[in-house]
């Protein structure tokens, strides 16, 4: 495959030469840099590249050009190549237009002229966008293939695992593409699918996530027996702690049961995270954080589940699902929360076959022209509804409460109100899910009247609150009646100290009832369920880890 293209567009010949020179210097090894001196030439060049099936990774377009503005050109280019990254080149006077374009054409970034020095003002921006593009790009011939039935829960779980771990793969639905399975010589018996075909030709029949992970190079077992810090959970809080812990010299291991990013990693778009005016997906946030943690030396173990915690003096012993155990000085519990199960007839039977918990973005293409339902009224549900509105004919949000405003950020409420194919129904609940081998319809109960109506549905995506993952801490660390971990001032107290607290000092702010065991993120009692707060708590917890290690003489 030819190197992906970076297309620069500017009617000023001198500026265009400078752009070409800088792009080639920074990215010419992995990309072809092409130039167009007018919007018309840019459109013709793009159409020719499409005909030759050559990928375009990024458009860098000047705003002020005769006959067509940069925003207008990017609108046309987005229709041709929706996945390419879009950057607007502006003068200071055009910044308002650039900011408006973030929403109008889903602009990824805008650059001010002049951008000297490029090493500081151009290369980091373009490099980050290209890394994001590569993480989501699916070339025509991928190495790993997943073969199965669309409505297979096992196939859905496997595809979701690969996607969330940023592993490129090609999906072959044997019903929609039977000749592909025949060409591979595969048995299409439902009892023998899914099958993973590796680049070397090896085939994994009905594999577990752990079996696939081991084959594709993910680390599924610890490489050492002792660490300074073990982080349990790879959501924003856990990843932040891993970055700060490893960067500050702590021997750090992060253990994640599914995929880095946690619930935030499944968000289709996070638009209110500081520093990203055009927003970013949860997958992008997770990918950047994982790369950062690994750069500083964090050992990232996934998929692996923590099953228990044992305390022996100043040492902590963490038990894993494979029967092994690792020891450490300090533990950070950042295991996050799971969406609560929807209690309605038919839901359990159809989970993974039309009923999904979380965004399940891998199902988006299959929703084209269909009607789907999103259950929930908080930010995660709103982000999912906006995302699926780009694919489904109609998205209906089912909200138990009287309105979206009570739990959802205002920017999302506004976005939903401005999206014509999103319908919001309030004071309703799901009364049932129906279908044979996959979801075909849902029953909706209107709480005011008690009326139940049955509607055709291609998908039901559930976001109904949070249940903490803390069973493995039972009997060791204090939790509230819902299972959230208590810490610092929230710990139950005797006259002077928390009940049973063994130290002369008070617990640190994010320290649990066990000295040296800390908690951060959504799993903490009283936490703010926002990505930024999770990141902040993960970073703060590491400062307390340092103080604890100094106290016990481990530093």
Protein backbone atom coordinates (compact mmCIF):
# COMPACT_ATOMS: atom_id res chain seq x y z
CA UNK A 1 0.00 0.00 0.00
CA UNK A 2 1.26 3.47 -0.91
CA UNK A 3 2.06 5.82 1.94
CA UNK A 4 -0.98 7.83 3.08
CA UNK A 5 -1.29 11.35 1.67
CA UNK A 6 -1.09 14.72 3.38
CA UNK A 7 -2.75 17.30 1.11
CA UNK A 8 -1.90 20.98 1.62
CA UNK A 9 -4.07 23.62 -0.08
CA UNK A 10 -3.21 27.32 -0.39
CA UNK A 11 -3.44 29.84 -3.25
CA UNK A 12 -0.33 31.66 -2.00
CA UNK A 13 2.58 29.94 -3.76
CA UNK A 14 5.18 30.95 -1.18
CA UNK A 15 3.07 29.75 1.76
CA UNK A 16 2.29 26.50 -0.07
CA UNK A 17 5.99 25.80 -0.66
CA UNK A 18 6.71 26.45 3.01
CA UNK A 19 3.92 24.11 4.10
CA UNK A 20 5.19 21.37 1.76
CA UNK A 21 8.75 21.79 2.99
CA UNK A 22 7.82 21.59 6.66
CA UNK A 23 5.43 18.66 6.22
CA UNK A 24 8.05 16.70 4.26
CA UNK A 25 10.69 17.42 6.85
CA UNK A 26 8.47 16.29 9.69
CA UNK A 27 6.48 13.45 8.13
CA UNK A 28 7.88 12.67 4.68
CA UNK A 29 9.28 9.32 5.79
CA UNK A 30 5.81 7.84 6.41
CA UNK A 31 3.54 10.05 4.30
CA UNK A 32 3.37 11.52 0.80
CA UNK A 33 2.97 15.29 0.85
CA UNK A 34 0.91 16.68 -2.05
CA UNK A 35 -0.03 20.28 -2.74
CA UNK A 36 -2.91 22.05 -4.46
CA UNK A 37 -2.91 25.77 -5.30
CA UNK A 38 -6.70 26.12 -5.46
CA UNK A 39 -9.86 24.48 -4.09
CA UNK A 40 -10.67 23.08 -7.55
CA UNK A 41 -7.29 21.36 -7.83
CA UNK A 42 -7.69 20.00 -4.30
CA UNK A 43 -11.07 18.45 -5.15
CA UNK A 44 -9.78 16.89 -8.38
CA UNK A 45 -6.70 15.53 -6.63
CA UNK A 46 -8.85 14.00 -3.89
CA UNK A 47 -11.18 12.36 -6.42
CA UNK A 48 -8.20 10.89 -8.29
CA UNK A 49 -6.74 9.48 -5.09
CA UNK A 50 -10.13 7.96 -4.27
CA UNK A 51 -10.26 6.28 -7.67
CA UNK A 52 -6.81 4.78 -7.09
CA UNK A 53 -7.85 3.75 -3.54
CA UNK A 54 -4.94 5.67 -2.05
CA UNK A 55 -5.57 6.77 1.55
CA UNK A 56 -5.64 10.44 2.55
CA UNK A 57 -4.75 11.01 6.18
CA UNK A 58 -4.96 14.80 6.52
CA UNK A 59 -6.07 17.99 4.78
CA UNK A 60 -4.28 21.25 5.68
CA UNK A 61 -6.33 24.04 4.05
CA UNK A 62 -5.97 27.83 4.07
CA UNK A 63 -9.10 29.76 5.02
CA UNK A 64 -8.84 32.71 2.59
CA UNK A 65 -8.85 31.55 -1.04
CA UNK A 66 -10.63 33.01 -4.09
CA UNK A 67 -13.90 31.35 -5.04
CA UNK A 68 -14.19 29.14 -1.96
CA UNK A 69 -13.19 29.53 1.68
CA UNK A 70 -11.20 26.89 3.49
CA UNK A 71 -14.23 25.95 5.59
CA UNK A 72 -16.34 25.49 2.45
CA UNK A 73 -13.64 23.33 0.88
CA UNK A 74 -13.29 21.20 4.01
CA UNK A 75 -17.04 20.66 3.98
CA UNK A 76 -16.77 19.18 0.46
CA UNK A 77 -13.66 17.18 1.33
CA UNK A 78 -15.32 15.78 4.44
CA UNK A 79 -18.12 14.38 2.27
CA UNK A 80 -15.52 12.60 0.13
CA UNK A 81 -13.13 11.45 2.89
CA UNK A 82 -14.96 11.63 6.23
CA UNK A 83 -12.18 9.97 8.24
CA UNK A 84 -9.29 12.23 7.17
CA UNK A 85 -8.10 14.75 9.73
CA UNK A 86 -8.98 18.38 8.91
CA UNK A 87 -6.78 21.37 9.79
CA UNK A 88 -7.56 24.98 8.90
CA UNK A 89 -4.73 27.46 8.29
CA UNK A 90 -5.81 30.91 9.44
CA UNK A 91 -4.69 34.44 10.03
CA UNK A 92 -5.49 35.99 13.41
CA UNK A 93 -8.57 37.72 11.95
CA UNK A 94 -10.04 34.34 10.95
CA UNK A 95 -9.96 32.64 14.35
CA UNK A 96 -13.70 33.11 14.93
CA UNK A 97 -14.42 31.33 11.65
CA UNK A 98 -12.05 28.56 12.68
CA UNK A 99 -13.77 28.10 16.04
CA UNK A 100 -17.19 27.96 14.35
CA UNK A 101 -15.80 25.37 11.95
CA UNK A 102 -15.07 23.00 14.86
CA UNK A 103 -18.81 22.30 14.93
CA UNK A 104 -19.69 23.02 11.31
CA UNK A 105 -17.17 20.71 9.61
CA UNK A 106 -15.91 18.80 12.66
CA UNK A 107 -12.57 20.63 12.35
CA UNK A 108 -9.79 18.81 14.20
CA UNK A 109 -7.48 21.81 14.64
CA UNK A 110 -6.64 25.24 13.33
CA UNK A 111 -3.14 26.71 12.95
CA UNK A 112 -2.23 30.38 13.05
CA UNK A 113 0.13 31.85 10.45
CA UNK A 114 3.06 32.03 10.82
CA UNK A 115 3.73 28.72 12.61
CA UNK A 116 7.50 29.10 13.08
CA UNK A 117 9.24 27.30 14.58
CA UNK A 118 7.56 24.18 13.07
CA UNK A 119 9.18 21.85 15.62
CA UNK A 120 7.16 23.61 18.31
CA UNK A 121 4.01 24.86 16.58
CA UNK A 122 3.42 22.49 13.65
CA UNK A 123 4.96 19.05 14.18
CA UNK A 124 3.35 18.24 17.59
CA UNK A 125 -0.13 19.17 16.32
CA UNK A 126 0.12 17.31 13.01
CA UNK A 127 1.88 14.35 14.61
CA UNK A 128 -0.85 13.93 17.21
CA UNK A 129 -3.58 14.08 14.56
CA UNK A 130 -1.80 11.55 12.37
CA UNK A 131 -1.34 9.19 15.29
CA UNK A 132 -5.07 9.46 15.97
CA UNK A 133 -5.84 8.80 12.29
CA UNK A 134 -3.62 5.72 12.17
CA UNK A 135 -5.23 4.34 15.33
CA UNK A 136 -8.67 4.42 13.67
CA UNK A 137 -7.75 3.74 10.04
CA UNK A 138 -8.69 0.36 8.60
CA UNK A 139 -6.57 -0.43 5.55
CA UNK A 140 -8.02 -2.66 2.82
CA UNK A 141 -6.13 -5.80 3.85
CA UNK A 142 -5.80 -6.14 7.60
CA UNK A 143 -3.69 -8.83 9.16
CA UNK A 144 -6.20 -10.10 11.73
CA UNK A 145 -9.62 -11.28 10.60
CA UNK A 146 -12.60 -12.06 12.81
CA UNK A 147 -15.19 -14.31 11.19
CA UNK A 148 -18.61 -14.82 12.72
CA UNK A 149 -22.32 -14.01 12.78
CA UNK A 150 -23.46 -10.42 13.37
CA UNK A 151 -25.83 -11.43 16.17
CA UNK A 152 -23.37 -13.66 18.00
CA UNK A 153 -22.68 -12.39 21.56
CA UNK A 154 -19.28 -14.13 21.49
CA UNK A 155 -18.33 -12.38 18.24
CA UNK A 156 -19.52 -9.04 19.62
CA UNK A 157 -17.45 -9.47 22.78
CA UNK A 158 -14.36 -10.39 20.77
CA UNK A 159 -14.71 -7.48 18.33
CA UNK A 160 -15.32 -5.05 21.18
CA UNK A 161 -12.23 -6.35 22.98
CA UNK A 162 -10.01 -5.84 19.91
CA UNK A 163 -11.45 -2.40 19.16
CA UNK A 164 -11.07 -1.12 22.72
CA UNK A 165 -7.48 -2.39 22.86
CA UNK A 166 -6.70 -0.48 19.62
CA UNK A 167 -5.98 -3.70 17.69
CA UNK A 168 -6.83 -3.33 13.95
CA UNK A 169 -8.88 -6.19 12.51
CA UNK A 170 -11.20 -7.03 9.63
CA UNK A 171 -14.71 -8.21 10.43
CA UNK A 172 -16.32 -10.79 8.14
CA UNK A 173 -20.01 -11.47 8.72
CA UNK A 174 -20.70 -14.92 7.26
CA UNK A 175 -24.32 -14.01 6.53
CA UNK A 176 -23.55 -10.78 4.70
CA UNK A 177 -20.31 -12.06 3.13
CA UNK A 178 -20.51 -15.88 2.81
CA UNK A 179 -17.99 -16.01 -0.04
CA UNK A 180 -15.29 -14.57 2.22
CA UNK A 181 -15.71 -17.40 4.71
CA UNK A 182 -15.70 -19.94 1.89
CA UNK A 183 -12.52 -18.44 0.44
CA UNK A 184 -10.86 -18.86 3.82
CA UNK A 185 -12.07 -22.46 3.96
CA UNK A 186 -14.03 -21.90 7.17
CA UNK A 187 -16.96 -23.87 8.49
CA UNK A 188 -19.89 -21.46 8.93
CA UNK A 189 -21.59 -23.65 11.54
CA UNK A 190 -22.71 -21.25 14.27
CA UNK A 191 -21.33 -23.62 16.92
CA UNK A 192 -17.81 -23.21 15.47
CA UNK A 193 -17.78 -19.42 15.25
CA UNK A 194 -16.30 -16.91 15.84
CA UNK A 195 -12.90 -17.73 14.37
CA UNK A 196 -9.87 -15.44 14.53
CA UNK A 197 -7.52 -15.78 11.57
CA UNK A 198 -4.04 -14.47 12.42
CA UNK A 199 -1.65 -12.96 9.85
CA UNK A 200 0.44 -16.16 9.82
CA UNK A 201 -2.63 -18.23 8.93
CA UNK A 202 -3.17 -19.68 12.40
CA UNK A 203 -6.84 -20.01 13.32
CA UNK A 204 -8.33 -19.65 16.78
CA UNK A 205 -11.76 -21.28 17.04
CA UNK A 206 -14.08 -19.87 19.72
CA UNK A 207 -11.14 -18.18 21.47
CA UNK A 208 -11.28 -16.35 24.78
CA UNK A 209 -10.08 -12.76 25.00
CA UNK A 210 -7.05 -13.97 26.97
CA UNK A 211 -6.11 -16.47 24.23
CA UNK A 212 -6.33 -13.78 21.57
CA UNK A 213 -4.42 -11.30 23.72
CA UNK A 214 -1.54 -13.73 24.17
CA UNK A 215 -1.32 -14.31 20.40
CA UNK A 216 -1.32 -10.63 19.44
CA UNK A 217 1.34 -9.54 21.92
CA UNK A 218 -0.63 -8.06 24.81
CA UNK A 219 0.91 -8.66 28.23
CA UNK A 220 -1.47 -10.91 30.16
CA UNK A 221 0.79 -11.83 33.11
CA UNK A 222 3.11 -9.75 35.30
CA UNK A 223 6.79 -9.95 34.43
CA UNK A 224 7.94 -9.26 38.01
CA UNK A 225 6.86 -10.45 41.44
CA UNK A 226 7.20 -7.15 43.32
CA UNK A 227 6.32 -3.51 42.52
CA UNK A 228 6.31 -0.18 44.29
CA UNK A 229 2.77 0.53 43.09
CA UNK A 230 0.07 -1.72 41.64
CA UNK A 231 -2.82 0.14 39.98
CA UNK A 232 -6.02 -1.88 39.66
CA UNK A 233 -8.10 -0.54 36.78
CA UNK A 234 -7.19 1.21 33.54
CA UNK A 235 -9.74 4.02 33.38
CA UNK A 236 -8.74 7.71 33.45
CA UNK A 237 -7.87 7.59 37.17
CA UNK A 238 -5.76 4.45 36.86
CA UNK A 239 -3.98 5.61 33.72
CA UNK A 240 -3.19 8.99 35.28
CA UNK A 241 -1.74 7.27 38.35
CA UNK A 242 0.32 4.98 36.13
CA UNK A 243 1.72 7.95 34.20
CA UNK A 244 2.61 9.95 37.31
CA UNK A 245 3.84 6.96 39.29
CA UNK A 246 6.14 5.63 36.58
CA UNK A 247 7.35 9.09 35.53
CA UNK A 248 8.37 9.77 39.15
CA UNK A 249 10.45 6.63 39.43
CA UNK A 250 8.01 4.16 41.00
CA UNK A 251 8.09 0.60 39.67
CA UNK A 252 4.49 0.58 38.49
CA UNK A 253 2.15 -2.10 37.19
CA UNK A 254 -1.38 -1.45 35.92
CA UNK A 255 -3.85 -4.36 35.76
CA UNK A 256 -6.98 -3.99 33.62
CA UNK A 257 -9.65 -6.67 33.25
CA UNK A 258 -10.98 -5.60 29.82
CA UNK A 259 -9.31 -2.72 27.99
CA UNK A 260 -7.64 0.58 28.91
CA UNK A 261 -9.97 3.55 29.11
CA UNK A 262 -12.71 2.13 31.30
CA UNK A 263 -16.19 3.52 30.70
CA UNK A 264 -14.64 6.73 29.38
CA UNK A 265 -12.86 4.67 26.73
CA UNK A 266 -16.24 3.71 25.29
CA UNK A 267 -17.38 7.33 24.92
CA UNK A 268 -17.85 8.29 21.29
CA UNK A 269 -17.03 11.94 21.98
CA UNK A 270 -15.87 13.87 25.04
CA UNK A 271 -16.28 17.55 24.24
CA UNK A 272 -15.74 19.24 27.62
CA UNK A 273 -12.31 17.84 28.49
CA UNK A 274 -9.85 20.66 29.07
CA UNK A 275 -7.45 21.36 26.21
CA UNK A 276 -9.44 19.69 23.40
CA UNK A 277 -11.79 22.34 21.95
CA UNK A 278 -13.00 20.03 19.17
CA UNK A 279 -13.38 17.12 21.60
CA UNK A 280 -11.86 13.66 21.42
CA UNK A 281 -13.17 10.14 21.59
CA UNK A 282 -12.73 8.00 24.65
CA UNK A 283 -10.67 5.62 22.52
CA UNK A 284 -8.30 8.42 21.55
CA UNK A 285 -7.93 9.50 25.17
CA UNK A 286 -7.15 5.93 26.23
CA UNK A 287 -4.66 5.43 23.39
CA UNK A 288 -2.75 8.61 24.28
CA UNK A 289 -2.69 7.76 27.98
CA UNK A 290 -1.52 4.18 27.35
CA UNK A 291 1.29 5.40 25.10
CA UNK A 292 2.31 7.91 27.77
CA UNK A 293 2.26 5.34 30.58
CA UNK A 294 4.31 2.85 28.56
CA UNK A 295 6.79 5.55 27.60
CA UNK A 296 7.58 6.07 31.29
CA UNK A 297 7.90 2.34 31.93
CA UNK A 298 4.52 1.26 33.29
CA UNK A 299 3.88 -2.47 32.93
CA UNK A 300 0.36 -2.70 31.46
CA UNK A 301 -1.33 -6.07 31.99
CA UNK A 302 -4.56 -6.73 30.05
CA UNK A 303 -6.85 -8.58 30.01
CA UNK A 304 -6.35 -9.75 33.56
CA UNK A 305 -8.69 -9.63 36.54
CA UNK A 306 -7.80 -8.95 40.15
CA UNK A 307 -9.65 -11.35 42.46
CA UNK A 308 -8.35 -10.51 45.92
CA UNK A 309 -6.14 -8.42 48.20
CA UNK A 310 -4.13 -9.67 51.16
CA UNK A 311 -2.24 -7.39 53.58
CA UNK A 312 0.89 -8.59 55.39
CA UNK A 313 2.37 -5.77 57.45
CA UNK A 314 3.59 -3.07 55.06
CA UNK A 315 3.27 -5.43 52.08
CA UNK A 316 0.22 -5.96 49.91
CA UNK A 317 -0.44 -9.11 47.89
CA UNK A 318 -2.73 -8.87 44.86
CA UNK A 319 -4.35 -12.10 43.62
CA UNK A 320 -5.09 -12.57 39.91
CA UNK A 321 -7.71 -14.66 38.12
CA UNK A 322 -5.06 -17.00 36.65
CA UNK A 323 -4.09 -18.08 40.18
CA UNK A 324 -0.90 -16.03 40.41
CA UNK A 325 -0.10 -13.34 42.98
CA UNK A 326 2.07 -10.24 42.96
CA UNK A 327 3.30 -8.17 45.89
CA UNK A 328 3.82 -4.43 46.28
CA UNK A 329 4.28 -1.60 48.73
CA UNK A 330 1.14 0.32 47.70
CA UNK A 331 -2.10 -0.37 45.84
CA UNK A 332 -4.35 2.11 44.06
CA UNK A 333 -7.93 0.92 43.58
CA UNK A 334 -9.20 2.52 40.37
CA UNK A 335 -11.41 -0.33 39.19
CA UNK A 336 -14.24 1.96 38.16
CA UNK A 337 -17.88 1.02 37.76
CA UNK A 338 -20.03 -1.03 35.43
CA UNK A 339 -23.39 -0.12 33.97
CA UNK A 340 -26.20 -1.66 35.99
CA UNK A 341 -28.15 -4.47 34.35
CA UNK A 342 -31.49 -3.58 32.82
CA UNK A 343 -34.16 -5.60 34.60
CA UNK A 344 -36.74 -6.37 31.93
CA UNK A 345 -37.92 -9.59 30.24
CA UNK A 346 -35.82 -10.65 27.26
CA UNK A 347 -32.88 -8.33 27.97
CA UNK A 348 -30.47 -10.93 29.36
CA UNK A 349 -31.23 -13.38 26.55
CA UNK A 350 -30.55 -10.78 23.85
CA UNK A 351 -27.49 -9.14 25.42
CA UNK A 352 -24.78 -9.07 22.76
CA UNK A 353 -27.38 -9.70 20.05
CA UNK A 354 -28.95 -6.26 19.76
CA UNK A 355 -28.87 -5.29 23.46
CA UNK A 356 -25.59 -3.70 24.54
CA UNK A 357 -24.20 -2.08 27.67
CA UNK A 358 -22.16 0.99 26.80
CA UNK A 359 -21.63 2.61 23.44
CA UNK A 360 -20.71 -0.53 21.44
CA UNK A 361 -19.44 1.71 18.64
CA UNK A 362 -18.50 -1.33 16.54
CA UNK A 363 -22.23 -1.74 15.88
CA UNK A 364 -22.65 1.72 14.32
CA UNK A 365 -22.38 0.67 10.67
CA UNK A 366 -25.03 -2.03 11.16
CA UNK A 367 -27.45 0.61 12.43
CA UNK A 368 -27.63 2.52 9.13
CA UNK A 369 -31.24 3.20 8.17
CA UNK A 370 -32.49 1.55 11.38
CA UNK A 371 -34.21 2.77 14.54
CA UNK A 372 -32.31 2.32 17.79
CA UNK A 373 -32.94 3.15 21.44
CA UNK A 374 -30.60 4.57 24.07
CA UNK A 375 -31.58 4.04 27.72
CA UNK A 376 -30.34 6.64 30.20
CA UNK A 377 -30.20 10.37 30.80
CA UNK A 378 -26.62 11.20 31.79
CA UNK A 379 -23.62 12.29 29.68
CA UNK A 380 -22.63 8.82 28.50
CA UNK A 381 -26.12 8.22 27.11
CA UNK A 382 -26.16 11.64 25.44
CA UNK A 383 -22.77 11.12 23.81
CA UNK A 384 -23.92 7.75 22.49
CA UNK A 385 -27.15 9.19 21.08
CA UNK A 386 -25.29 11.95 19.23
CA UNK A 387 -22.80 9.42 17.86
CA UNK A 388 -25.42 6.95 16.61
CA UNK A 389 -27.46 9.76 15.06
CA UNK A 390 -24.74 9.87 12.36
CA UNK A 391 -25.73 6.34 11.33
CA UNK A 392 -29.23 5.36 12.44
CA UNK A 393 -32.38 6.68 10.81
CA UNK A 394 -33.75 7.55 14.24
CA UNK A 395 -32.36 7.47 17.78
CA UNK A 396 -34.85 7.46 20.64
CA UNK A 397 -33.60 8.25 24.13
CA UNK A 398 -35.58 6.59 26.93
CA UNK A 399 -35.23 8.62 30.15
CA UNK A 400 -36.77 7.63 33.47
CA UNK A 401 -36.65 11.18 34.84
CA UNK A 402 -38.62 14.27 33.81
CA UNK A 403 -35.87 15.80 31.62
CA UNK A 404 -32.28 15.53 30.45
CA UNK A 405 -31.21 18.70 32.25
CA UNK A 406 -31.00 17.08 35.69
CA UNK A 407 -27.99 14.83 34.95
CA UNK A 408 -26.61 15.89 31.57
CA UNK A 409 -24.16 18.69 30.70
CA UNK A 410 -25.80 21.66 29.01
CA UNK A 411 -23.69 21.41 25.85
CA UNK A 412 -24.96 17.86 25.28
CA UNK A 413 -28.59 18.80 25.92
CA UNK A 414 -28.21 21.57 23.32
CA UNK A 415 -26.58 19.18 20.84
CA UNK A 416 -29.38 16.66 21.24
CA UNK A 417 -32.05 19.32 20.80
CA UNK A 418 -30.31 20.45 17.59
CA UNK A 419 -30.11 16.94 16.11
CA UNK A 420 -33.31 16.30 14.13
CA UNK A 421 -33.22 12.49 14.21
CA UNK A 422 -32.89 12.21 18.01
CA UNK A 423 -36.18 11.87 19.89
CA UNK A 424 -36.25 12.15 23.70
CA UNK A 425 -38.98 10.38 25.68
CA UNK A 426 -39.10 11.15 29.41
CA UNK A 427 -40.78 9.34 32.29
CA UNK A 428 -40.50 6.01 30.48
CA UNK A 429 -38.88 2.63 31.20
CA UNK A 430 -38.11 -0.47 29.18
CA UNK A 431 -40.76 -3.13 29.78
CA UNK A 432 -39.23 -5.84 27.59
CA UNK A 433 -36.97 -6.80 24.68
CA UNK A 434 -38.23 -9.11 21.96
CA UNK A 435 -36.75 -11.23 19.20
CA UNK A 436 -35.65 -14.77 18.39
CA UNK A 437 -31.89 -14.84 17.82
CA UNK A 438 -31.54 -11.04 17.93
CA UNK A 439 -33.38 -7.93 19.06
CA UNK A 440 -36.36 -7.03 16.88
CA UNK A 441 -38.46 -4.74 19.10
CA UNK A 442 -38.69 -3.18 22.54
CA UNK A 443 -41.65 -2.50 24.82
CA UNK A 444 -41.76 0.94 26.42
CA UNK A 445 -43.83 1.75 29.52
CA UNK A 446 -45.02 5.33 29.98
CA UNK A 447 -44.92 5.85 33.74
CA UNK A 448 -47.63 8.52 33.87
CA UNK A 449 -50.34 6.59 32.02
CA UNK A 450 -49.06 3.03 32.45
CA UNK A 451 -49.46 2.50 28.69
CA UNK A 452 -47.00 0.04 27.12
CA UNK A 453 -46.14 0.40 23.45
CA UNK A 454 -44.04 -1.94 21.33
CA UNK A 455 -41.62 -0.42 18.80
CA UNK A 456 -39.34 -1.99 16.16
CA UNK A 457 -35.68 -1.73 17.22
CA UNK A 458 -32.35 -2.68 15.69
CA UNK A 459 -30.41 -1.88 18.85
CA UNK A 460 -30.89 -1.11 22.52
CA UNK A 461 -27.92 0.61 24.22
CA UNK A 462 -28.06 0.79 28.00
CA UNK A 463 -26.52 3.48 30.26
CA UNK A 464 -28.38 3.25 33.57
CA UNK A 465 -26.09 4.14 36.43
CA UNK A 466 -23.06 2.63 38.00
CA UNK A 467 -22.22 -0.42 40.08
CA UNK A 468 -18.69 -0.51 41.57
CA UNK A 469 -16.33 -3.42 40.92
CA UNK A 470 -15.18 -4.02 44.48
CA UNK A 471 -16.19 -7.57 45.41
CA UNK A 472 -12.51 -8.50 45.57
CA UNK A 473 -12.04 -6.04 48.45
CA UNK A 474 -14.74 -7.53 50.70
CA UNK A 475 -13.53 -8.02 54.25
CA UNK A 476 -10.31 -6.09 53.64
CA UNK A 477 -11.17 -2.47 52.81
CA UNK A 478 -14.13 -0.48 54.15
CA UNK A 479 -16.93 0.16 51.65
CA UNK A 480 -20.30 1.86 51.78
CA UNK A 481 -23.60 -0.03 51.48
CA UNK A 482 -23.44 0.18 47.67
CA UNK A 483 -19.89 -1.14 47.43
CA UNK A 484 -18.07 2.15 46.80
CA UNK A 485 -14.73 2.45 48.61
CA UNK A 486 -14.51 4.78 51.60
CA UNK A 487 -11.44 6.95 52.09
CA UNK A 488 -10.00 9.83 54.12
CA UNK A 489 -12.66 11.87 55.90
CA UNK A 490 -15.45 9.53 54.74
CA UNK A 491 -14.14 6.61 56.81
CA UNK A 492 -16.28 5.75 59.86
CA UNK A 493 -14.55 7.14 62.95
CA UNK A 494 -14.20 6.51 66.65
CA UNK A 495 -13.45 9.54 68.82
CA UNK A 496 -10.11 10.48 67.23
CA UNK A 497 -9.28 8.01 64.45
CA UNK A 498 -11.18 5.93 61.90
CA UNK A 499 -12.46 2.70 63.41
CA UNK A 500 -9.73 0.06 63.33
CA UNK A 501 -7.14 2.43 61.85
CA UNK A 502 -3.71 1.02 62.86
CA UNK A 503 -1.53 4.13 62.44
CA UNK A 504 -0.85 7.15 64.66
CA UNK A 505 -1.57 9.55 61.80
CA UNK A 506 -4.89 10.29 60.09
CA UNK A 507 -5.49 8.62 56.72
CA UNK A 508 -4.48 10.63 53.68
CA UNK A 509 -7.29 12.17 51.64
CA UNK A 510 -7.52 9.25 49.17
CA UNK A 511 -6.32 6.52 51.52
CA UNK A 512 -8.69 3.70 52.44
CA UNK A 513 -9.13 1.94 55.79
CA UNK A 514 -5.89 0.07 55.08
CA UNK A 515 -2.67 2.16 55.15
CA UNK A 516 -0.99 2.08 51.75
CA UNK A 517 -4.17 1.17 49.87
CA UNK A 518 -5.55 4.19 48.02
CA UNK A 519 -8.63 4.80 45.86
CA UNK A 520 -9.36 7.15 42.94
CA UNK A 521 -12.00 7.70 40.30
CA UNK A 522 -15.59 6.53 40.01
CA UNK A 523 -15.14 3.63 42.45
CA UNK A 524 -14.51 6.08 45.33
CA UNK A 525 -17.43 6.97 47.59
CA UNK A 526 -18.61 10.50 46.78
CA UNK A 527 -16.57 10.88 43.59
CA UNK A 528 -17.49 13.28 40.79
CA UNK A 529 -18.29 11.16 37.75
CA UNK A 530 -16.21 13.15 35.25
CA UNK A 531 -13.10 12.24 33.27
CA UNK A 532 -11.13 15.27 34.48
CA UNK A 533 -11.83 14.54 38.14
CA UNK A 534 -10.72 10.92 37.69
CA UNK A 535 -7.47 12.05 36.08
CA UNK A 536 -6.91 14.55 38.90
CA UNK A 537 -7.54 11.99 41.63
CA UNK A 538 -5.20 9.50 39.99
CA UNK A 539 -2.42 12.08 39.92
CA UNK A 540 -3.07 13.25 43.50
CA UNK A 541 -3.09 9.69 44.80
CA UNK A 542 0.51 9.22 43.62
CA UNK A 543 1.65 12.09 45.83
CA UNK A 544 0.12 10.27 48.82
CA UNK A 545 1.81 7.05 47.70
CA UNK A 546 5.17 8.83 47.91
CA UNK A 547 4.38 10.04 51.43
CA UNK A 548 3.36 6.54 52.49
CA UNK A 549 6.50 4.95 51.00
CA UNK A 550 8.65 7.48 52.85
CA UNK A 551 6.80 6.70 56.07
CA UNK A 552 7.43 2.94 55.85
CA UNK A 553 11.01 3.40 54.68
CA UNK A 554 10.45 2.09 51.17
CA UNK A 555 12.10 5.07 49.46
